[in-house]
């Protein structure tokens, strides 16, 4: 184990306590940042882009856009995504930069049926790329209800060109213990995907949207 749950909850509590001193007009996200040591990111020593299902779902669901097949449409409706976009409606967005930008901004996940992936990449791709978002293929089965629901409670763990990874672990109105449990889920993926993770993980920080990073004590 990289760090104990109690230590994570302690740091999360401190981060939330600091932000409670200042009233915000919006509900802040809580992120975990994990730094790495003795790695060369340019060489690709660590490359993460992993979907992590959070055991304690965010108090506000992640917003999911779905472009299903005709057979998947009714099942998709059951999952109540933020936006259900039939293939023909996706096609109509071609050239409408304002609408595409709005869609890219207002959704977190983009689940696309395989036969619409090329179209989605062409139409939505230019707006998704700069925002660090990307289309994700839907499975071929007709019943995609649980698949869509999983993404409503999932976060993205990713690295860029600096030696650290960052992921949303929830929102500021969640309990520190629940956010710590989500942190452990993220750290578990790092342990699985990064070889010799225990030796490569440096410091761990907890940060609210507007707050300062709080270092997690590993002692």
N, C-alpha and C. Protein backbone atom coordinates (compact mmCIF):
# COMPACT_ATOMS: atom_id res chain seq x y z
N UNK A 1 0.84 -1.20 0.00
CA UNK A 1 0.00 0.00 0.00
C UNK A 1 0.88 1.26 0.00
N UNK A 2 0.56 2.20 -0.88
CA UNK A 2 1.36 3.42 -1.00
C UNK A 2 1.22 4.30 0.23
N UNK A 3 -0.01 4.44 0.73
CA UNK A 3 -0.26 5.26 1.92
C UNK A 3 -1.54 4.79 2.59
N UNK A 4 -1.59 4.94 3.92
CA UNK A 4 -2.76 4.48 4.67
C UNK A 4 -3.96 5.39 4.45
N UNK A 5 -5.14 4.80 4.51
CA UNK A 5 -6.38 5.55 4.33
C UNK A 5 -6.50 6.68 5.35
N UNK A 6 -6.05 6.42 6.59
CA UNK A 6 -6.16 7.43 7.65
C UNK A 6 -5.36 8.68 7.30
N UNK A 7 -4.20 8.51 6.69
CA UNK A 7 -3.37 9.65 6.32
C UNK A 7 -4.02 10.46 5.20
N UNK A 8 -4.66 9.77 4.28
CA UNK A 8 -5.36 10.45 3.20
C UNK A 8 -6.53 11.26 3.76
N UNK A 9 -7.31 10.63 4.66
CA UNK A 9 -8.47 11.31 5.25
C UNK A 9 -8.03 12.54 6.04
N UNK A 10 -6.88 12.44 6.70
CA UNK A 10 -6.36 13.56 7.48
C UNK A 10 -6.04 14.75 6.58
N UNK A 11 -5.35 14.50 5.48
CA UNK A 11 -5.00 15.57 4.54
C UNK A 11 -6.23 16.15 3.86
N UNK A 12 -7.17 15.28 3.52
CA UNK A 12 -8.42 15.74 2.90
C UNK A 12 -9.18 16.64 3.87
N UNK A 13 -9.23 16.23 5.13
CA UNK A 13 -9.91 17.04 6.15
C UNK A 13 -9.30 18.42 6.26
N UNK A 14 -7.97 18.50 6.21
CA UNK A 14 -7.28 19.79 6.29
C UNK A 14 -7.60 20.66 5.08
N UNK A 15 -7.62 20.04 3.90
CA UNK A 15 -7.91 20.79 2.67
C UNK A 15 -9.33 21.35 2.72
N UNK A 16 -10.27 20.55 3.19
CA UNK A 16 -11.66 21.00 3.27
C UNK A 16 -11.84 22.06 4.35
N UNK A 17 -11.13 21.89 5.45
CA UNK A 17 -11.22 22.85 6.56
C UNK A 17 -10.75 24.23 6.11
N UNK A 18 -9.67 24.26 5.35
CA UNK A 18 -9.15 25.54 4.84
C UNK A 18 -10.16 26.22 3.94
N UNK A 19 -10.81 25.44 3.08
CA UNK A 19 -11.76 26.03 2.14
C UNK A 19 -13.06 26.44 2.81
N UNK A 20 -13.40 25.81 3.92
CA UNK A 20 -14.62 26.18 4.64
C UNK A 20 -14.55 27.59 5.23
N UNK A 21 -13.33 28.10 5.31
CA UNK A 21 -13.15 29.45 5.84
C UNK A 21 -13.55 30.51 4.81
N UNK A 22 -13.64 30.10 3.56
CA UNK A 22 -13.98 31.03 2.47
C UNK A 22 -15.21 30.53 1.74
N UNK A 23 -16.22 31.34 1.65
CA UNK A 23 -17.44 30.94 0.94
C UNK A 23 -17.25 31.10 -0.56
N UNK A 24 -17.57 30.06 -1.30
CA UNK A 24 -17.47 30.06 -2.76
C UNK A 24 -18.88 30.03 -3.36
N UNK A 25 -18.97 30.47 -4.59
CA UNK A 25 -20.26 30.48 -5.28
C UNK A 25 -20.55 29.17 -6.00
N UNK A 26 -19.65 28.21 -5.85
CA UNK A 26 -19.84 26.93 -6.53
C UNK A 26 -19.27 25.81 -5.67
N UNK A 27 -19.66 24.60 -5.99
CA UNK A 27 -19.19 23.42 -5.26
C UNK A 27 -17.84 22.99 -5.86
N UNK A 28 -16.82 23.03 -5.05
CA UNK A 28 -15.48 22.75 -5.55
C UNK A 28 -15.20 21.25 -5.71
N UNK A 29 -14.38 20.95 -6.69
CA UNK A 29 -13.88 19.59 -6.86
C UNK A 29 -12.72 19.37 -5.90
N UNK A 30 -12.47 18.10 -5.59
CA UNK A 30 -11.32 17.72 -4.79
C UNK A 30 -10.48 16.79 -5.64
N UNK A 31 -9.22 17.13 -5.84
CA UNK A 31 -8.31 16.35 -6.67
C UNK A 31 -7.20 15.76 -5.83
N UNK A 32 -6.67 14.65 -6.29
CA UNK A 32 -5.44 14.09 -5.72
C UNK A 32 -4.34 14.18 -6.76
N UNK A 33 -3.19 14.65 -6.34
CA UNK A 33 -2.02 14.78 -7.21
C UNK A 33 -0.93 13.86 -6.68
N UNK A 34 -0.39 13.02 -7.53
CA UNK A 34 0.66 12.09 -7.14
C UNK A 34 1.91 12.41 -7.97
N UNK A 35 3.00 12.74 -7.30
CA UNK A 35 4.25 13.04 -8.01
C UNK A 35 5.10 11.78 -8.09
N UNK A 36 5.95 11.74 -9.12
CA UNK A 36 6.85 10.60 -9.32
C UNK A 36 8.30 11.07 -9.28
N UNK A 37 9.18 10.18 -8.84
CA UNK A 37 10.60 10.51 -8.78
C UNK A 37 11.41 9.54 -9.65
N UNK A 38 12.54 10.04 -10.12
CA UNK A 38 13.46 9.25 -10.92
C UNK A 38 12.79 8.65 -12.16
N UNK A 39 11.97 9.47 -12.82
CA UNK A 39 11.34 9.02 -14.06
C UNK A 39 11.58 10.06 -15.16
N UNK A 40 11.62 9.60 -16.39
CA UNK A 40 11.79 10.47 -17.54
C UNK A 40 10.50 10.44 -18.35
N UNK A 41 9.71 11.51 -18.19
CA UNK A 41 8.40 11.53 -18.86
C UNK A 41 8.56 11.64 -20.37
N UNK A 42 9.61 12.29 -20.83
CA UNK A 42 9.83 12.41 -22.27
C UNK A 42 10.12 11.06 -22.90
N UNK A 43 10.71 10.20 -22.11
CA UNK A 43 11.03 8.86 -22.60
C UNK A 43 9.82 7.93 -22.47
N UNK A 44 8.79 8.42 -21.77
CA UNK A 44 7.59 7.63 -21.61
C UNK A 44 7.67 6.61 -20.50
N UNK A 45 8.48 6.91 -19.46
CA UNK A 45 8.60 5.98 -18.33
C UNK A 45 7.24 5.70 -17.69
N UNK A 46 6.42 6.75 -17.59
CA UNK A 46 5.08 6.58 -17.03
C UNK A 46 4.09 7.27 -17.95
N UNK A 47 3.09 6.52 -18.36
CA UNK A 47 2.07 7.07 -19.25
C UNK A 47 0.72 6.55 -18.78
N UNK A 48 -0.08 7.42 -18.17
CA UNK A 48 -1.36 6.99 -17.62
C UNK A 48 -2.52 7.75 -18.25
N UNK A 49 -3.52 7.02 -18.61
CA UNK A 49 -4.80 7.57 -19.03
C UNK A 49 -5.84 6.51 -18.72
N UNK A 50 -6.18 6.44 -17.44
CA UNK A 50 -6.97 5.33 -16.93
C UNK A 50 -8.32 5.81 -16.38
N UNK A 51 -9.36 5.06 -16.67
CA UNK A 51 -10.68 5.32 -16.11
C UNK A 51 -10.78 4.59 -14.77
N UNK A 52 -11.09 5.34 -13.72
CA UNK A 52 -11.19 4.76 -12.38
C UNK A 52 -12.62 4.93 -11.86
N UNK A 53 -13.28 3.83 -11.58
CA UNK A 53 -14.62 3.88 -11.01
C UNK A 53 -14.50 4.16 -9.52
N UNK A 54 -15.12 5.24 -9.05
CA UNK A 54 -15.00 5.65 -7.66
C UNK A 54 -16.00 4.89 -6.78
N UNK A 55 -15.53 4.24 -5.71
CA UNK A 55 -16.44 3.48 -4.84
C UNK A 55 -17.47 4.36 -4.13
N UNK A 56 -17.11 5.61 -3.87
CA UNK A 56 -18.05 6.57 -3.28
C UNK A 56 -18.33 7.63 -4.34
N UNK A 57 -19.41 7.47 -5.12
CA UNK A 57 -19.68 8.35 -6.26
C UNK A 57 -19.70 9.82 -5.85
N UNK A 58 -19.21 10.71 -6.71
CA UNK A 58 -19.29 12.15 -6.44
C UNK A 58 -20.73 12.56 -6.15
N UNK A 59 -20.91 13.54 -5.25
CA UNK A 59 -22.25 13.99 -4.90
C UNK A 59 -22.98 14.56 -6.11
N UNK A 60 -22.21 14.97 -7.11
CA UNK A 60 -22.79 15.42 -8.37
C UNK A 60 -22.21 14.52 -9.45
N UNK A 61 -23.08 13.77 -10.12
CA UNK A 61 -22.61 12.80 -11.09
C UNK A 61 -21.79 13.44 -12.20
N UNK A 62 -20.84 12.67 -12.70
CA UNK A 62 -20.08 13.11 -13.86
C UNK A 62 -21.01 13.15 -15.07
N UNK A 63 -20.82 14.12 -15.90
CA UNK A 63 -21.73 14.31 -17.04
C UNK A 63 -21.26 13.49 -18.25
N UNK A 64 -22.18 12.67 -18.72
CA UNK A 64 -21.86 11.72 -19.79
C UNK A 64 -22.68 12.01 -21.04
N UNK A 65 -22.00 12.09 -22.16
CA UNK A 65 -22.66 12.19 -23.47
C UNK A 65 -22.57 10.81 -24.11
N UNK A 66 -23.67 10.36 -24.72
CA UNK A 66 -23.68 9.05 -25.37
C UNK A 66 -24.21 9.18 -26.79
N UNK A 67 -23.46 8.60 -27.74
CA UNK A 67 -23.94 8.43 -29.12
C UNK A 67 -24.11 6.93 -29.32
N UNK A 68 -25.32 6.41 -29.10
CA UNK A 68 -25.55 4.96 -29.16
C UNK A 68 -25.93 4.47 -30.55
N UNK A 69 -25.96 3.17 -30.71
CA UNK A 69 -26.59 2.59 -31.89
C UNK A 69 -28.10 2.65 -31.67
N UNK A 70 -28.86 2.36 -32.71
CA UNK A 70 -30.32 2.37 -32.57
C UNK A 70 -30.76 1.36 -31.50
N UNK A 71 -30.11 0.17 -31.49
CA UNK A 71 -30.48 -0.88 -30.54
C UNK A 71 -30.15 -0.48 -29.10
N UNK A 72 -29.18 0.38 -28.93
CA UNK A 72 -28.75 0.78 -27.58
C UNK A 72 -29.53 1.97 -27.03
N UNK A 73 -30.33 2.60 -27.85
CA UNK A 73 -30.95 3.86 -27.48
C UNK A 73 -31.83 3.76 -26.23
N UNK A 74 -32.72 2.79 -26.18
CA UNK A 74 -33.64 2.66 -25.04
C UNK A 74 -32.90 2.34 -23.76
N UNK A 75 -31.85 1.51 -23.85
CA UNK A 75 -31.04 1.20 -22.67
C UNK A 75 -30.28 2.43 -22.20
N UNK A 76 -29.83 3.22 -23.15
CA UNK A 76 -29.13 4.44 -22.80
C UNK A 76 -30.04 5.41 -22.06
N UNK A 77 -31.28 5.49 -22.49
CA UNK A 77 -32.24 6.37 -21.82
C UNK A 77 -32.42 5.99 -20.36
N UNK A 78 -32.41 4.69 -20.08
CA UNK A 78 -32.57 4.21 -18.70
C UNK A 78 -31.45 4.73 -17.80
N UNK A 79 -30.27 4.89 -18.36
CA UNK A 79 -29.12 5.35 -17.58
C UNK A 79 -29.14 6.87 -17.36
N UNK A 80 -30.01 7.56 -18.08
CA UNK A 80 -30.18 9.00 -17.94
C UNK A 80 -28.85 9.77 -18.04
N UNK A 81 -28.18 9.68 -19.20
CA UNK A 81 -26.95 10.45 -19.38
C UNK A 81 -27.26 11.94 -19.48
N UNK A 82 -26.24 12.74 -19.37
CA UNK A 82 -26.45 14.18 -19.49
C UNK A 82 -26.95 14.55 -20.88
N UNK A 83 -26.46 13.84 -21.89
CA UNK A 83 -26.90 14.10 -23.27
C UNK A 83 -26.87 12.82 -24.08
N UNK A 84 -28.03 12.47 -24.64
CA UNK A 84 -28.12 11.35 -25.58
C UNK A 84 -28.18 11.97 -26.97
N UNK A 85 -27.19 11.63 -27.79
CA UNK A 85 -27.06 12.27 -29.10
C UNK A 85 -27.11 11.20 -30.19
N UNK A 86 -28.25 11.03 -30.86
CA UNK A 86 -28.32 10.07 -31.96
C UNK A 86 -27.31 10.43 -33.06
N UNK A 87 -26.93 9.43 -33.83
CA UNK A 87 -25.91 9.64 -34.86
C UNK A 87 -26.30 10.73 -35.84
N UNK A 88 -27.58 10.78 -36.22
CA UNK A 88 -27.99 11.79 -37.19
C UNK A 88 -27.91 13.20 -36.60
N UNK A 89 -28.15 13.30 -35.27
CA UNK A 89 -28.02 14.61 -34.61
C UNK A 89 -26.56 15.03 -34.49
N UNK A 90 -25.70 14.05 -34.28
CA UNK A 90 -24.26 14.33 -34.26
C UNK A 90 -23.81 14.87 -35.62
N UNK A 91 -24.31 14.26 -36.68
CA UNK A 91 -23.96 14.69 -38.04
C UNK A 91 -24.36 16.14 -38.28
N UNK A 92 -25.51 16.54 -37.73
CA UNK A 92 -26.02 17.90 -37.93
C UNK A 92 -25.14 18.96 -37.26
N UNK A 93 -24.29 18.55 -36.33
CA UNK A 93 -23.42 19.50 -35.62
C UNK A 93 -22.23 19.94 -36.47
N UNK A 94 -22.01 19.23 -37.56
CA UNK A 94 -20.87 19.54 -38.43
C UNK A 94 -20.81 21.03 -38.75
N UNK A 95 -19.71 21.67 -38.41
CA UNK A 95 -19.51 23.09 -38.72
C UNK A 95 -20.07 24.06 -37.69
N UNK A 96 -20.86 23.56 -36.74
CA UNK A 96 -21.45 24.44 -35.71
C UNK A 96 -20.48 24.52 -34.53
N UNK A 97 -19.47 25.35 -34.64
CA UNK A 97 -18.39 25.40 -33.65
C UNK A 97 -18.89 25.81 -32.27
N UNK A 98 -19.84 26.71 -32.22
CA UNK A 98 -20.34 27.16 -30.92
C UNK A 98 -21.03 26.03 -30.17
N UNK A 99 -21.88 25.29 -30.87
CA UNK A 99 -22.60 24.18 -30.24
C UNK A 99 -21.63 23.06 -29.82
N UNK A 100 -20.66 22.79 -30.67
CA UNK A 100 -19.68 21.74 -30.38
C UNK A 100 -18.84 22.13 -29.17
N UNK A 101 -18.43 23.37 -29.08
CA UNK A 101 -17.64 23.84 -27.94
C UNK A 101 -18.45 23.73 -26.65
N UNK A 102 -19.73 24.06 -26.72
CA UNK A 102 -20.60 23.96 -25.55
C UNK A 102 -20.72 22.52 -25.08
N UNK A 103 -20.90 21.61 -26.02
CA UNK A 103 -21.01 20.19 -25.69
C UNK A 103 -19.71 19.69 -25.07
N UNK A 104 -18.59 20.09 -25.63
CA UNK A 104 -17.28 19.66 -25.12
C UNK A 104 -17.04 20.18 -23.71
N UNK A 105 -17.51 21.37 -23.43
CA UNK A 105 -17.32 21.98 -22.12
C UNK A 105 -18.24 21.38 -21.06
N UNK A 106 -19.47 21.07 -21.45
CA UNK A 106 -20.49 20.67 -20.48
C UNK A 106 -20.53 19.18 -20.17
N UNK A 107 -19.68 18.39 -20.80
CA UNK A 107 -19.68 16.95 -20.54
C UNK A 107 -18.28 16.47 -20.16
N UNK A 108 -18.25 15.43 -19.31
CA UNK A 108 -16.98 14.88 -18.85
C UNK A 108 -16.55 13.66 -19.65
N UNK A 109 -17.53 12.83 -20.04
CA UNK A 109 -17.24 11.61 -20.77
C UNK A 109 -18.04 11.57 -22.06
N UNK A 110 -17.46 10.96 -23.08
CA UNK A 110 -18.07 10.90 -24.41
C UNK A 110 -18.05 9.44 -24.88
N UNK A 111 -19.16 8.76 -24.67
CA UNK A 111 -19.26 7.34 -25.00
C UNK A 111 -19.92 7.18 -26.37
N UNK A 112 -19.18 6.61 -27.29
CA UNK A 112 -19.59 6.60 -28.69
C UNK A 112 -19.66 5.17 -29.23
N UNK A 113 -20.76 4.84 -29.90
CA UNK A 113 -20.87 3.53 -30.56
C UNK A 113 -19.77 3.41 -31.61
N UNK A 114 -19.19 2.22 -31.77
CA UNK A 114 -18.07 2.04 -32.71
C UNK A 114 -18.35 2.56 -34.12
N UNK A 115 -19.59 2.39 -34.61
CA UNK A 115 -19.87 2.83 -35.98
C UNK A 115 -19.99 4.36 -36.09
N UNK A 116 -19.91 5.05 -34.96
CA UNK A 116 -19.97 6.52 -34.98
C UNK A 116 -18.65 7.16 -34.53
N UNK A 117 -17.65 6.33 -34.22
CA UNK A 117 -16.39 6.85 -33.68
C UNK A 117 -15.68 7.79 -34.66
N UNK A 118 -15.61 7.38 -35.92
CA UNK A 118 -14.91 8.22 -36.90
C UNK A 118 -15.62 9.56 -37.05
N UNK A 119 -16.95 9.53 -37.08
CA UNK A 119 -17.74 10.76 -37.20
C UNK A 119 -17.54 11.64 -35.97
N UNK A 120 -17.57 11.03 -34.79
CA UNK A 120 -17.39 11.79 -33.55
C UNK A 120 -15.99 12.40 -33.48
N UNK A 121 -15.01 11.64 -33.93
CA UNK A 121 -13.64 12.16 -33.92
C UNK A 121 -13.50 13.36 -34.83
N UNK A 122 -14.17 13.31 -35.99
CA UNK A 122 -14.09 14.41 -36.95
C UNK A 122 -14.83 15.64 -36.46
N UNK A 123 -16.01 15.44 -35.84
CA UNK A 123 -16.84 16.58 -35.45
C UNK A 123 -16.48 17.10 -34.06
N UNK A 124 -16.34 16.19 -33.09
CA UNK A 124 -16.09 16.62 -31.71
C UNK A 124 -14.61 16.71 -31.37
N UNK A 125 -13.79 15.92 -32.07
CA UNK A 125 -12.36 15.84 -31.75
C UNK A 125 -11.64 17.16 -31.59
N UNK A 126 -11.80 18.11 -32.54
CA UNK A 126 -11.08 19.38 -32.42
C UNK A 126 -11.41 20.17 -31.15
N UNK A 127 -12.60 19.95 -30.60
CA UNK A 127 -12.98 20.64 -29.35
C UNK A 127 -12.59 19.83 -28.13
N UNK A 128 -12.57 18.52 -28.24
CA UNK A 128 -12.24 17.67 -27.09
C UNK A 128 -10.75 17.67 -26.79
N UNK A 129 -9.94 17.59 -27.84
CA UNK A 129 -8.49 17.49 -27.66
C UNK A 129 -7.89 18.55 -26.75
N UNK A 130 -8.12 19.83 -27.04
CA UNK A 130 -7.54 20.89 -26.20
C UNK A 130 -8.02 20.86 -24.75
N UNK A 131 -9.13 20.17 -24.49
CA UNK A 131 -9.68 20.10 -23.14
C UNK A 131 -9.27 18.80 -22.43
N UNK A 132 -8.41 18.05 -23.06
CA UNK A 132 -7.94 16.81 -22.45
C UNK A 132 -9.01 15.73 -22.38
N UNK A 133 -10.01 15.82 -23.26
CA UNK A 133 -11.09 14.84 -23.29
C UNK A 133 -10.98 14.01 -24.56
N UNK A 134 -11.68 12.89 -24.59
CA UNK A 134 -11.55 12.00 -25.74
C UNK A 134 -12.77 11.09 -25.86
N UNK A 135 -13.11 10.65 -27.07
CA UNK A 135 -14.22 9.70 -27.24
C UNK A 135 -13.84 8.32 -26.72
N UNK A 136 -14.78 7.66 -26.08
CA UNK A 136 -14.57 6.29 -25.57
C UNK A 136 -15.59 5.38 -26.23
N UNK A 137 -15.16 4.25 -26.78
CA UNK A 137 -16.11 3.38 -27.48
C UNK A 137 -17.08 2.67 -26.54
N UNK A 138 -18.33 2.62 -26.94
CA UNK A 138 -19.34 1.83 -26.24
C UNK A 138 -19.12 0.36 -26.59
N UNK A 139 -19.49 -0.56 -25.71
CA UNK A 139 -19.41 -1.98 -26.07
C UNK A 139 -20.47 -2.31 -27.12
N UNK A 140 -20.34 -3.45 -27.74
CA UNK A 140 -21.26 -3.82 -28.81
C UNK A 140 -22.62 -4.30 -28.34
N UNK A 141 -22.71 -4.70 -27.07
CA UNK A 141 -23.98 -5.22 -26.55
C UNK A 141 -25.05 -4.15 -26.58
N UNK A 142 -26.31 -4.59 -26.67
CA UNK A 142 -27.42 -3.63 -26.70
C UNK A 142 -27.62 -2.96 -25.35
N UNK A 143 -27.53 -3.75 -24.26
CA UNK A 143 -27.77 -3.20 -22.93
C UNK A 143 -26.50 -2.55 -22.39
N UNK A 144 -26.44 -1.23 -22.51
CA UNK A 144 -25.26 -0.49 -22.06
C UNK A 144 -25.58 0.34 -20.81
N UNK A 145 -26.69 0.01 -20.15
CA UNK A 145 -27.14 0.79 -18.99
C UNK A 145 -26.07 0.89 -17.92
N UNK A 146 -25.55 -0.25 -17.47
CA UNK A 146 -24.55 -0.23 -16.39
C UNK A 146 -23.25 0.40 -16.86
N UNK A 147 -22.90 0.20 -18.13
CA UNK A 147 -21.68 0.80 -18.67
C UNK A 147 -21.75 2.32 -18.58
N UNK A 148 -22.87 2.88 -18.97
CA UNK A 148 -23.05 4.34 -18.89
C UNK A 148 -23.06 4.78 -17.43
N UNK A 149 -23.74 4.05 -16.57
CA UNK A 149 -23.79 4.40 -15.15
C UNK A 149 -22.41 4.38 -14.51
N UNK A 150 -21.56 3.46 -14.95
CA UNK A 150 -20.21 3.39 -14.39
C UNK A 150 -19.43 4.67 -14.67
N UNK A 151 -19.60 5.20 -15.86
CA UNK A 151 -18.88 6.43 -16.20
C UNK A 151 -19.42 7.64 -15.44
N UNK A 152 -20.66 7.57 -15.01
CA UNK A 152 -21.23 8.68 -14.22
C UNK A 152 -20.58 8.78 -12.85
N UNK A 153 -19.89 7.71 -12.43
CA UNK A 153 -19.20 7.74 -11.15
C UNK A 153 -17.69 7.51 -11.31
N UNK A 154 -17.19 7.78 -12.50
CA UNK A 154 -15.77 7.52 -12.78
C UNK A 154 -14.96 8.79 -12.93
N UNK A 155 -13.68 8.65 -12.70
CA UNK A 155 -12.74 9.76 -12.86
C UNK A 155 -11.64 9.34 -13.82
N UNK A 156 -10.92 10.31 -14.34
CA UNK A 156 -9.82 10.04 -15.26
C UNK A 156 -8.50 10.30 -14.55
N UNK A 157 -7.67 9.29 -14.49
CA UNK A 157 -6.32 9.41 -13.94
C UNK A 157 -5.36 9.56 -15.12
N UNK A 158 -4.65 10.68 -15.16
CA UNK A 158 -3.80 10.90 -16.34
C UNK A 158 -2.50 11.61 -15.99
N UNK A 159 -1.52 11.36 -16.84
CA UNK A 159 -0.26 12.09 -16.80
C UNK A 159 -0.14 12.91 -18.07
N UNK A 160 0.65 13.97 -17.98
CA UNK A 160 0.96 14.76 -19.18
C UNK A 160 2.47 14.72 -19.38
N UNK A 161 3.10 15.89 -19.47
CA UNK A 161 4.54 15.91 -19.71
C UNK A 161 5.36 16.15 -18.45
N UNK A 162 4.69 16.31 -17.31
CA UNK A 162 5.39 16.50 -16.05
C UNK A 162 5.29 15.22 -15.21
N UNK A 163 6.24 15.00 -14.30
CA UNK A 163 6.24 13.74 -13.52
C UNK A 163 5.21 13.72 -12.40
N UNK A 164 3.95 13.80 -12.77
CA UNK A 164 2.88 13.66 -11.79
C UNK A 164 1.60 13.23 -12.49
N UNK A 165 0.70 12.66 -11.71
CA UNK A 165 -0.62 12.26 -12.20
C UNK A 165 -1.66 12.94 -11.34
N UNK A 166 -2.81 13.24 -11.93
CA UNK A 166 -3.86 13.94 -11.20
C UNK A 166 -5.21 13.33 -11.53
N UNK A 167 -6.08 13.29 -10.52
CA UNK A 167 -7.42 12.75 -10.73
C UNK A 167 -8.39 13.39 -9.75
N UNK A 168 -9.60 13.64 -10.21
CA UNK A 168 -10.67 14.08 -9.34
C UNK A 168 -11.08 12.91 -8.45
N UNK A 169 -11.24 13.18 -7.13
CA UNK A 169 -11.66 12.12 -6.22
C UNK A 169 -13.05 12.39 -5.63
N UNK A 170 -13.64 13.55 -5.98
CA UNK A 170 -14.98 13.86 -5.49
C UNK A 170 -15.20 15.35 -5.37
N UNK A 171 -16.19 15.71 -4.56
CA UNK A 171 -16.55 17.11 -4.36
C UNK A 171 -16.45 17.48 -2.88
N UNK A 172 -16.36 18.77 -2.62
CA UNK A 172 -16.06 19.24 -1.26
C UNK A 172 -17.13 18.93 -0.23
N UNK A 173 -18.34 18.59 -0.66
CA UNK A 173 -19.40 18.28 0.31
C UNK A 173 -19.43 16.80 0.71
N UNK A 174 -18.45 16.03 0.24
CA UNK A 174 -18.37 14.63 0.62
C UNK A 174 -17.51 14.47 1.88
N UNK A 175 -17.72 13.37 2.58
CA UNK A 175 -16.98 13.12 3.81
C UNK A 175 -15.52 12.79 3.51
N UNK A 176 -14.59 13.27 4.34
CA UNK A 176 -13.17 12.96 4.14
C UNK A 176 -12.91 11.46 4.03
N UNK A 177 -13.63 10.66 4.82
CA UNK A 177 -13.43 9.21 4.79
C UNK A 177 -13.84 8.63 3.43
N UNK A 178 -14.92 9.15 2.85
CA UNK A 178 -15.36 8.69 1.53
C UNK A 178 -14.37 9.12 0.45
N UNK A 179 -13.89 10.35 0.56
CA UNK A 179 -12.91 10.84 -0.42
C UNK A 179 -11.61 10.06 -0.30
N UNK A 180 -11.25 9.65 0.91
CA UNK A 180 -10.05 8.84 1.11
C UNK A 180 -10.21 7.48 0.45
N UNK A 181 -11.41 6.92 0.53
CA UNK A 181 -11.67 5.63 -0.12
C UNK A 181 -11.53 5.76 -1.64
N UNK A 182 -12.00 6.88 -2.19
CA UNK A 182 -11.84 7.13 -3.62
C UNK A 182 -10.36 7.29 -3.97
N UNK A 183 -9.61 7.94 -3.09
CA UNK A 183 -8.17 8.12 -3.31
C UNK A 183 -7.47 6.77 -3.39
N UNK A 184 -7.87 5.85 -2.51
CA UNK A 184 -7.25 4.53 -2.51
C UNK A 184 -7.53 3.79 -3.83
N UNK A 185 -8.73 4.00 -4.39
CA UNK A 185 -9.05 3.38 -5.67
C UNK A 185 -8.13 3.89 -6.77
N UNK A 186 -7.84 5.19 -6.73
CA UNK A 186 -6.94 5.78 -7.72
C UNK A 186 -5.52 5.25 -7.52
N UNK A 187 -5.07 5.21 -6.26
CA UNK A 187 -3.72 4.73 -5.97
C UNK A 187 -3.56 3.26 -6.34
N UNK A 188 -4.64 2.49 -6.21
CA UNK A 188 -4.60 1.08 -6.57
C UNK A 188 -4.32 0.92 -8.06
N UNK A 189 -4.90 1.80 -8.88
CA UNK A 189 -4.65 1.76 -10.32
C UNK A 189 -3.19 2.10 -10.61
N UNK A 190 -2.66 3.09 -9.89
CA UNK A 190 -1.25 3.46 -10.08
C UNK A 190 -0.35 2.27 -9.74
N UNK A 191 -0.66 1.57 -8.66
CA UNK A 191 0.14 0.41 -8.26
C UNK A 191 0.08 -0.68 -9.32
N UNK A 192 -1.08 -0.79 -9.98
CA UNK A 192 -1.25 -1.82 -11.01
C UNK A 192 -0.56 -1.46 -12.31
N UNK A 193 -0.63 -0.18 -12.69
CA UNK A 193 -0.17 0.25 -14.00
C UNK A 193 1.29 0.72 -14.04
N UNK A 194 1.84 1.12 -12.90
CA UNK A 194 3.22 1.63 -12.86
C UNK A 194 4.12 0.58 -12.23
N UNK A 195 5.11 0.13 -12.98
CA UNK A 195 6.03 -0.88 -12.43
C UNK A 195 6.85 -0.27 -11.30
N UNK A 196 7.05 -1.03 -10.24
CA UNK A 196 7.77 -0.57 -9.04
C UNK A 196 7.19 0.75 -8.51
N UNK A 197 5.86 0.79 -8.45
CA UNK A 197 5.18 2.03 -8.06
C UNK A 197 5.60 2.54 -6.70
N UNK A 198 5.82 1.64 -5.75
CA UNK A 198 6.17 2.06 -4.39
C UNK A 198 7.46 2.87 -4.36
N UNK A 199 8.40 2.54 -5.24
CA UNK A 199 9.66 3.27 -5.26
C UNK A 199 9.59 4.53 -6.12
N UNK A 200 8.63 4.57 -7.03
CA UNK A 200 8.55 5.71 -7.94
C UNK A 200 7.62 6.83 -7.45
N UNK A 201 6.67 6.51 -6.58
CA UNK A 201 5.77 7.54 -6.07
C UNK A 201 6.54 8.44 -5.09
N UNK A 202 6.46 9.75 -5.34
CA UNK A 202 7.12 10.70 -4.46
C UNK A 202 6.17 11.21 -3.40
N UNK A 203 5.59 12.39 -3.66
CA UNK A 203 4.65 12.99 -2.72
C UNK A 203 3.22 12.89 -3.25
N UNK A 204 2.28 12.95 -2.31
CA UNK A 204 0.86 12.93 -2.64
C UNK A 204 0.22 14.18 -2.04
N UNK A 205 -0.59 14.85 -2.85
CA UNK A 205 -1.23 16.09 -2.40
C UNK A 205 -2.74 16.01 -2.62
N UNK A 206 -3.48 16.71 -1.78
CA UNK A 206 -4.91 16.88 -1.94
C UNK A 206 -5.17 18.35 -2.20
N UNK A 207 -6.00 18.64 -3.21
CA UNK A 207 -6.25 20.03 -3.57
C UNK A 207 -7.71 20.25 -3.98
N UNK A 208 -8.32 21.28 -3.40
CA UNK A 208 -9.64 21.70 -3.88
C UNK A 208 -9.42 22.64 -5.07
N UNK A 209 -10.48 22.93 -5.79
CA UNK A 209 -10.37 23.76 -7.00
C UNK A 209 -9.61 25.06 -6.75
N UNK A 210 -9.99 25.77 -5.70
CA UNK A 210 -9.39 27.08 -5.41
C UNK A 210 -8.38 27.05 -4.27
N UNK A 211 -8.21 25.90 -3.64
CA UNK A 211 -7.35 25.82 -2.47
C UNK A 211 -5.90 25.49 -2.78
N UNK A 212 -5.08 25.58 -1.74
CA UNK A 212 -3.66 25.23 -1.86
C UNK A 212 -3.50 23.72 -1.68
N UNK A 213 -2.50 23.13 -2.32
CA UNK A 213 -2.26 21.69 -2.16
C UNK A 213 -1.87 21.36 -0.72
N UNK A 214 -2.45 20.31 -0.18
CA UNK A 214 -2.12 19.84 1.16
C UNK A 214 -1.39 18.51 1.01
N UNK A 215 -0.18 18.46 1.55
CA UNK A 215 0.64 17.26 1.42
C UNK A 215 0.14 16.16 2.34
N UNK A 216 0.08 14.94 1.80
CA UNK A 216 -0.33 13.79 2.60
C UNK A 216 0.91 13.24 3.33
N UNK A 217 0.79 13.11 4.63
CA UNK A 217 1.89 12.55 5.41
C UNK A 217 1.94 11.04 5.20
N UNK A 218 3.10 10.53 4.86
CA UNK A 218 3.26 9.08 4.64
C UNK A 218 3.89 8.41 5.85
N UNK A 219 4.13 9.16 6.93
CA UNK A 219 4.74 8.59 8.14
C UNK A 219 3.68 8.14 9.12
